[in-house]
Amino acid sequence: MSIKAIIKRAGGASTVARLLGIHHSAVVRWEKVPDGRVVALEAATGIPREELRPDLFKRTPAEGVGG
């Protein structure tokens, strides 16, 4: 997911900034969600960390699925 799509899904740059307690201009400059903001953004928006930063967090198969 692109950073623009993430920000839009989270409610816009101003919303993301308010949720994280940072300045709007910081969010606008992001090329990707900073690794130090991933967990907080996940908690504030419900967007899984695997979607926010798939390069850092990998989805794992659900345990017990398929047998």
PDB file of N, CA and C in Angstrom:
ATOM      1  N   MET A   1       0.866  -1.177   0.000  1.00  0.00           N
ATOM      2  CA  MET A   1       0.000   0.000   0.000  1.00  0.00           C
ATOM      3  C   MET A   1       0.906   1.231   0.000  1.00  0.00           C
ATOM      4  N   SER A   2       0.603   2.183  -0.845  1.00  0.00           N
ATOM      5  CA  SER A   2       1.407   3.401  -0.914  1.00  0.00           C
ATOM      6  C   SER A   2       1.175   4.282   0.309  1.00  0.00           C
ATOM      7  N   ILE A   3       2.120   5.162   0.579  1.00  0.00           N
ATOM      8  CA  ILE A   3       1.971   6.056   1.720  1.00  0.00           C
ATOM      9  C   ILE A   3       0.766   6.968   1.538  1.00  0.00           C
ATOM     10  N   LYS A   4       0.494   7.387   0.318  1.00  0.00           N
ATOM     11  CA  LYS A   4      -0.684   8.222   0.071  1.00  0.00           C
ATOM     12  C   LYS A   4      -1.967   7.466   0.400  1.00  0.00           C
ATOM     13  N   ALA A   5      -2.017   6.194   0.021  1.00  0.00           N
ATOM     14  CA  ALA A   5      -3.200   5.378   0.310  1.00  0.00           C
ATOM     15  C   ALA A   5      -3.352   5.153   1.811  1.00  0.00           C
ATOM     16  N   ILE A   6      -2.241   4.933   2.493  1.00  0.00           N
ATOM     17  CA  ILE A   6      -2.286   4.741   3.947  1.00  0.00           C
ATOM     18  C   ILE A   6      -2.824   5.988   4.622  1.00  0.00           C
ATOM     19  N   ILE A   7      -2.289   7.138   4.255  1.00  0.00           N
ATOM     20  CA  ILE A   7      -2.718   8.402   4.869  1.00  0.00           C
ATOM     21  C   ILE A   7      -4.190   8.666   4.579  1.00  0.00           C
ATOM     22  N   LYS A   8      -4.606   8.410   3.343  1.00  0.00           N
ATOM     23  CA  LYS A   8      -6.010   8.615   2.991  1.00  0.00           C
ATOM     24  C   LYS A   8      -6.908   7.680   3.801  1.00  0.00           C
ATOM     25  N   ARG A   9      -6.519   6.414   3.900  1.00  0.00           N
ATOM     26  CA  ARG A   9      -7.309   5.427   4.649  1.00  0.00           C
ATOM     27  C   ARG A   9      -7.403   5.796   6.132  1.00  0.00           C
ATOM     28  N   ALA A  10      -6.360   6.430   6.646  1.00  0.00           N
ATOM     29  CA  ALA A  10      -6.331   6.817   8.053  1.00  0.00           C
ATOM     30  C   ALA A  10      -7.086   8.113   8.322  1.00  0.00           C
ATOM     31  N   GLY A  11      -7.559   8.774   7.275  1.00  0.00           N
ATOM     32  CA  GLY A  11      -8.348   9.987   7.462  1.00  0.00           C
ATOM     33  C   GLY A  11      -7.677  11.268   7.017  1.00  0.00           C
ATOM     34  N   GLY A  12      -6.513  11.154   6.409  1.00  0.00           N
ATOM     35  CA  GLY A  12      -5.809  12.328   5.917  1.00  0.00           C
ATOM     36  C   GLY A  12      -4.610  12.678   6.781  1.00  0.00           C
ATOM     37  N   ALA A  13      -3.725  13.496   6.234  1.00  0.00           N
ATOM     38  CA  ALA A  13      -2.486  13.848   6.921  1.00  0.00           C
ATOM     39  C   ALA A  13      -2.747  14.568   8.239  1.00  0.00           C
ATOM     40  N   SER A  14      -3.719  15.448   8.263  1.00  0.00           N
ATOM     41  CA  SER A  14      -4.013  16.177   9.502  1.00  0.00           C
ATOM     42  C   SER A  14      -4.499  15.231  10.593  1.00  0.00           C
ATOM     43  N   THR A  15      -5.321  14.274  10.227  1.00  0.00           N
ATOM     44  CA  THR A  15      -5.817  13.294  11.193  1.00  0.00           C
ATOM     45  C   THR A  15      -4.679  12.430  11.723  1.00  0.00           C
ATOM     46  N   VAL A  16      -3.834  11.954  10.820  1.00  0.00           N
ATOM     47  CA  VAL A  16      -2.695  11.139  11.236  1.00  0.00           C
ATOM     48  C   VAL A  16      -1.805  11.933  12.189  1.00  0.00           C
ATOM     49  N   ALA A  17      -1.528  13.172  11.836  1.00  0.00           N
ATOM     50  CA  ALA A  17      -0.687  14.016  12.690  1.00  0.00           C
ATOM     51  C   ALA A  17      -1.298  14.191  14.070  1.00  0.00           C
ATOM     52  N   ARG A  18      -2.594  14.453  14.126  1.00  0.00           N
ATOM     53  CA  ARG A  18      -3.275  14.643  15.403  1.00  0.00           C
ATOM     54  C   ARG A  18      -3.242  13.357  16.228  1.00  0.00           C
ATOM     55  N   LEU A  19      -3.499  12.230  15.588  1.00  0.00           N
ATOM     56  CA  LEU A  19      -3.499  10.947  16.294  1.00  0.00           C
ATOM     57  C   LEU A  19      -2.132  10.625  16.894  1.00  0.00           C
ATOM     58  N   LEU A  20      -1.072  11.027  16.197  1.00  0.00           N
ATOM     59  CA  LEU A  20       0.276  10.706  16.644  1.00  0.00           C
ATOM     60  C   LEU A  20       0.922  11.820  17.451  1.00  0.00           C
ATOM     61  N   GLY A  21       0.255  12.963  17.525  1.00  0.00           N
ATOM     62  CA  GLY A  21       0.805  14.076  18.284  1.00  0.00           C
ATOM     63  C   GLY A  21       2.008  14.717  17.625  1.00  0.00           C
ATOM     64  N   ILE A  22       1.993  14.744  16.289  1.00  0.00           N
ATOM     65  CA  ILE A  22       3.088  15.358  15.537  1.00  0.00           C
ATOM     66  C   ILE A  22       2.531  16.409  14.600  1.00  0.00           C
ATOM     67  N   HIS A  23       3.411  17.155  13.960  1.00  0.00           N
ATOM     68  CA  HIS A  23       2.984  18.225  13.062  1.00  0.00           C
ATOM     69  C   HIS A  23       2.563  17.664  11.703  1.00  0.00           C
ATOM     70  N   HIS A  24       1.550  18.264  11.135  1.00  0.00           N
ATOM     71  CA  HIS A  24       1.021  17.879   9.820  1.00  0.00           C
ATOM     72  C   HIS A  24       2.126  17.797   8.772  1.00  0.00           C
ATOM     73  N   SER A  25       3.048  18.761   8.794  1.00  0.00           N
ATOM     74  CA  SER A  25       4.107  18.796   7.774  1.00  0.00           C
ATOM     75  C   SER A  25       5.026  17.578   7.869  1.00  0.00           C
ATOM     76  N   ALA A  26       5.172  17.006   9.059  1.00  0.00           N
ATOM     77  CA  ALA A  26       5.988  15.801   9.199  1.00  0.00           C
ATOM     78  C   ALA A  26       5.351  14.643   8.443  1.00  0.00           C
ATOM     79  N   VAL A  27       4.047  14.512   8.566  1.00  0.00           N
ATOM     80  CA  VAL A  27       3.331  13.427   7.888  1.00  0.00           C
ATOM     81  C   VAL A  27       3.403  13.613   6.372  1.00  0.00           C
ATOM     82  N   VAL A  28       3.246  14.824   5.922  1.00  0.00           N
ATOM     83  CA  VAL A  28       3.265  15.106   4.484  1.00  0.00           C
ATOM     84  C   VAL A  28       4.619  14.730   3.870  1.00  0.00           C
ATOM     85  N   ARG A  29       5.681  14.828   4.639  1.00  0.00           N
ATOM     86  CA  ARG A  29       7.028  14.524   4.120  1.00  0.00           C
ATOM     87  C   ARG A  29       7.360  13.036   4.111  1.00  0.00           C
ATOM     88  N   TRP A  30       6.525  12.210   4.747  1.00  0.00           N
ATOM     89  CA  TRP A  30       6.822  10.786   4.797  1.00  0.00           C
ATOM     90  C   TRP A  30       6.888  10.177   3.405  1.00  0.00           C
ATOM     91  N   GLU A  31       7.906   9.344   3.179  1.00  0.00           N
ATOM     92  CA  GLU A  31       7.959   8.510   1.979  1.00  0.00           C
ATOM     93  C   GLU A  31       7.416   7.119   2.299  1.00  0.00           C
ATOM     94  N   LYS A  32       7.473   6.772   3.582  1.00  0.00           N
ATOM     95  CA  LYS A  32       6.850   5.569   4.144  1.00  0.00           C
ATOM     96  C   LYS A  32       6.659   5.857   5.625  1.00  0.00           C
ATOM     97  N   VAL A  33       5.829   5.075   6.270  1.00  0.00           N
ATOM     98  CA  VAL A  33       5.586   5.277   7.690  1.00  0.00           C
ATOM     99  C   VAL A  33       6.903   5.018   8.427  1.00  0.00           C
ATOM    100  N   PRO A  34       7.390   5.984   9.200  1.00  0.00           N
ATOM    101  CA  PRO A  34       8.637   5.754   9.945  1.00  0.00           C
ATOM    102  C   PRO A  34       8.492   4.562  10.883  1.00  0.00           C
ATOM    103  N   ASP A  35       9.546   3.758  10.973  1.00  0.00           N
ATOM    104  CA  ASP A  35       9.449   2.529  11.773  1.00  0.00           C
ATOM    105  C   ASP A  35       9.081   2.811  13.222  1.00  0.00           C
ATOM    106  N   GLY A  36       9.445   3.958  13.741  1.00  0.00           N
ATOM    107  CA  GLY A  36       9.094   4.305  15.107  1.00  0.00           C
ATOM    108  C   GLY A  36       7.648   4.742  15.291  1.00  0.00           C
ATOM    109  N   ARG A  37       6.900   4.884  14.208  1.00  0.00           N
ATOM    110  CA  ARG A  37       5.502   5.317  14.266  1.00  0.00           C
ATOM    111  C   ARG A  37       4.518   4.206  13.906  1.00  0.00           C
ATOM    112  N   VAL A  38       5.016   3.075  13.452  1.00  0.00           N
ATOM    113  CA  VAL A  38       4.156   2.006  12.943  1.00  0.00           C
ATOM    114  C   VAL A  38       3.171   1.498  14.000  1.00  0.00           C
ATOM    115  N   VAL A  39       3.664   1.148  15.173  1.00  0.00           N
ATOM    116  CA  VAL A  39       2.811   0.551  16.202  1.00  0.00           C
ATOM    117  C   VAL A  39       1.752   1.556  16.658  1.00  0.00           C
ATOM    118  N   ALA A  40       2.148   2.810  16.847  1.00  0.00           N
ATOM    119  CA  ALA A  40       1.193   3.835  17.278  1.00  0.00           C
ATOM    120  C   ALA A  40       0.133   4.084  16.208  1.00  0.00           C
ATOM    121  N   LEU A  41       0.548   4.110  14.942  1.00  0.00           N
ATOM    122  CA  LEU A  41      -0.411   4.335  13.860  1.00  0.00           C
ATOM    123  C   LEU A  41      -1.355   3.141  13.737  1.00  0.00           C
ATOM    124  N   GLU A  42      -0.841   1.949  13.907  1.00  0.00           N
ATOM    125  CA  GLU A  42      -1.688   0.758  13.891  1.00  0.00           C
ATOM    126  C   GLU A  42      -2.729   0.845  15.011  1.00  0.00           C
ATOM    127  N   ALA A  43      -2.295   1.201  16.204  1.00  0.00           N
ATOM    128  CA  ALA A  43      -3.207   1.290  17.346  1.00  0.00           C
ATOM    129  C   ALA A  43      -4.258   2.373  17.144  1.00  0.00           C
ATOM    130  N   ALA A  44      -3.873   3.479  16.543  1.00  0.00           N
ATOM    131  CA  ALA A  44      -4.790   4.607  16.369  1.00  0.00           C
ATOM    132  C   ALA A  44      -5.776   4.400  15.229  1.00  0.00           C
ATOM    133  N   THR A  45      -5.380   3.631  14.210  1.00  0.00           N
ATOM    134  CA  THR A  45      -6.217   3.524  13.017  1.00  0.00           C
ATOM    135  C   THR A  45      -6.777   2.135  12.762  1.00  0.00           C
ATOM    136  N   GLY A  46      -6.154   1.124  13.345  1.00  0.00           N
ATOM    137  CA  GLY A  46      -6.579  -0.249  13.075  1.00  0.00           C
ATOM    138  C   GLY A  46      -5.995  -0.815  11.791  1.00  0.00           C
ATOM    139  N   ILE A  47      -5.169  -0.049  11.109  1.00  0.00           N
ATOM    140  CA  ILE A  47      -4.508  -0.563   9.908  1.00  0.00           C
ATOM    141  C   ILE A  47      -3.362  -1.456  10.374  1.00  0.00           C
ATOM    142  N   PRO A  48      -3.355  -2.720   9.977  1.00  0.00           N
ATOM    143  CA  PRO A  48      -2.323  -3.642  10.461  1.00  0.00           C
ATOM    144  C   PRO A  48      -0.914  -3.202  10.078  1.00  0.00           C
ATOM    145  N   ARG A  49       0.018  -3.437  10.986  1.00  0.00           N
ATOM    146  CA  ARG A  49       1.414  -3.063  10.738  1.00  0.00           C
ATOM    147  C   ARG A  49       1.973  -3.721   9.489  1.00  0.00           C
ATOM    148  N   GLU A  50       1.453  -4.902   9.151  1.00  0.00           N
ATOM    149  CA  GLU A  50       1.904  -5.580   7.932  1.00  0.00           C
ATOM    150  C   GLU A  50       1.542  -4.798   6.682  1.00  0.00           C
ATOM    151  N   GLU A  51       0.474  -4.014   6.740  1.00  0.00           N
ATOM    152  CA  GLU A  51       0.089  -3.168   5.622  1.00  0.00           C
ATOM    153  C   GLU A  51       0.833  -1.833   5.655  1.00  0.00           C
ATOM    154  N   LEU A  52       1.093  -1.337   6.869  1.00  0.00           N
ATOM    155  CA  LEU A  52       1.791  -0.065   7.010  1.00  0.00           C
ATOM    156  C   LEU A  52       3.246  -0.175   6.557  1.00  0.00           C
ATOM    157  N   ARG A  53       3.903  -1.260   6.928  1.00  0.00           N
ATOM    158  CA  ARG A  53       5.311  -1.467   6.582  1.00  0.00           C
ATOM    159  C   ARG A  53       5.569  -2.939   6.271  1.00  0.00           C
ATOM    160  N   PRO A  54       5.142  -3.407   5.104  1.00  0.00           N
ATOM    161  CA  PRO A  54       5.343  -4.819   4.766  1.00  0.00           C
ATOM    162  C   PRO A  54       6.814  -5.204   4.670  1.00  0.00           C
ATOM    163  N   ASP A  55       7.698  -4.210   4.527  1.00  0.00           N
ATOM    164  CA  ASP A  55       9.132  -4.505   4.491  1.00  0.00           C
ATOM    165  C   ASP A  55       9.667  -4.866   5.873  1.00  0.00           C
ATOM    166  N   LEU A  56       8.972  -4.469   6.928  1.00  0.00           N
ATOM    167  CA  LEU A  56       9.396  -4.756   8.300  1.00  0.00           C
ATOM    168  C   LEU A  56       8.582  -5.861   8.956  1.00  0.00           C
ATOM    169  N   PHE A  57       7.311  -5.957   8.601  1.00  0.00           N
ATOM    170  CA  PHE A  57       6.400  -6.902   9.252  1.00  0.00           C
ATOM    171  C   PHE A  57       5.773  -7.800   8.201  1.00  0.00           C
ATOM    172  N   LYS A  58       5.896  -9.086   8.396  1.00  0.00           N
ATOM    173  CA  LYS A  58       5.347 -10.063   7.451  1.00  0.00           C
ATOM    174  C   LYS A  58       4.108 -10.702   8.042  1.00  0.00           C
ATOM    175  N   ARG A  59       3.137 -10.947   7.189  1.00  0.00           N
ATOM    176  CA  ARG A  59       1.959 -11.700   7.614  1.00  0.00           C
ATOM    177  C   ARG A  59       2.380 -13.145   7.827  1.00  0.00           C
ATOM    178  N   THR A  60       1.833 -13.740   8.862  1.00  0.00           N
ATOM    179  CA  THR A  60       2.106 -15.161   9.105  1.00  0.00           C
ATOM    180  C   THR A  60       0.787 -15.906   8.967  1.00  0.00           C
ATOM    181  N   PRO A  61       0.839 -17.114   8.455  1.00  0.00           N
ATOM    182  CA  PRO A  61      -0.391 -17.891   8.334  1.00  0.00           C
ATOM    183  C   PRO A  61      -1.031 -18.086   9.697  1.00  0.00           C
ATOM    184  N   ALA A  62      -2.339 -18.046   9.728  1.00  0.00           N
ATOM    185  CA  ALA A  62      -3.065 -18.265  10.985  1.00  0.00           C
ATOM    186  C   ALA A  62      -2.821 -19.685  11.464  1.00  0.00           C
ATOM    187  N   GLU A  63      -2.550 -19.818  12.745  1.00  0.00           N
ATOM    188  CA  GLU A  63      -2.309 -21.146  13.302  1.00  0.00           C
ATOM    189  C   GLU A  63      -3.593 -21.958  13.284  1.00  0.00           C
ATOM    190  N   GLY A  64      -3.445 -23.228  12.991  1.00  0.00           N
ATOM    191  CA  GLY A  64      -4.584 -24.132  13.004  1.00  0.00           C
ATOM    192  C   GLY A  64      -5.404 -24.133  11.732  1.00  0.00           C
ATOM    193  N   VAL A  65      -5.040 -23.320  10.754  1.00  0.00           N
ATOM    194  CA  VAL A  65      -5.770 -23.284   9.496  1.00  0.00           C
ATOM    195  C   VAL A  65      -5.271 -24.413   8.618  1.00  0.00           C
ATOM    196  N   GLY A  66      -6.186 -25.124   8.034  1.00  0.00           N
ATOM    197  CA  GLY A  66      -5.826 -26.168   7.092  1.00  0.00           C
ATOM    198  C   GLY A  66      -5.424 -27.477   7.730  1.00  0.00           C
ATOM    199  N   GLY A  67      -5.790 -27.697   8.933  1.00  0.00           N
ATOM    200  CA  GLY A  67      -5.562 -29.022   9.437  1.00  0.00           C
ATOM    201  C   GLY A  67      -4.892 -29.117  10.703  1.00  0.00           C
TER     202      GLY A  67
END
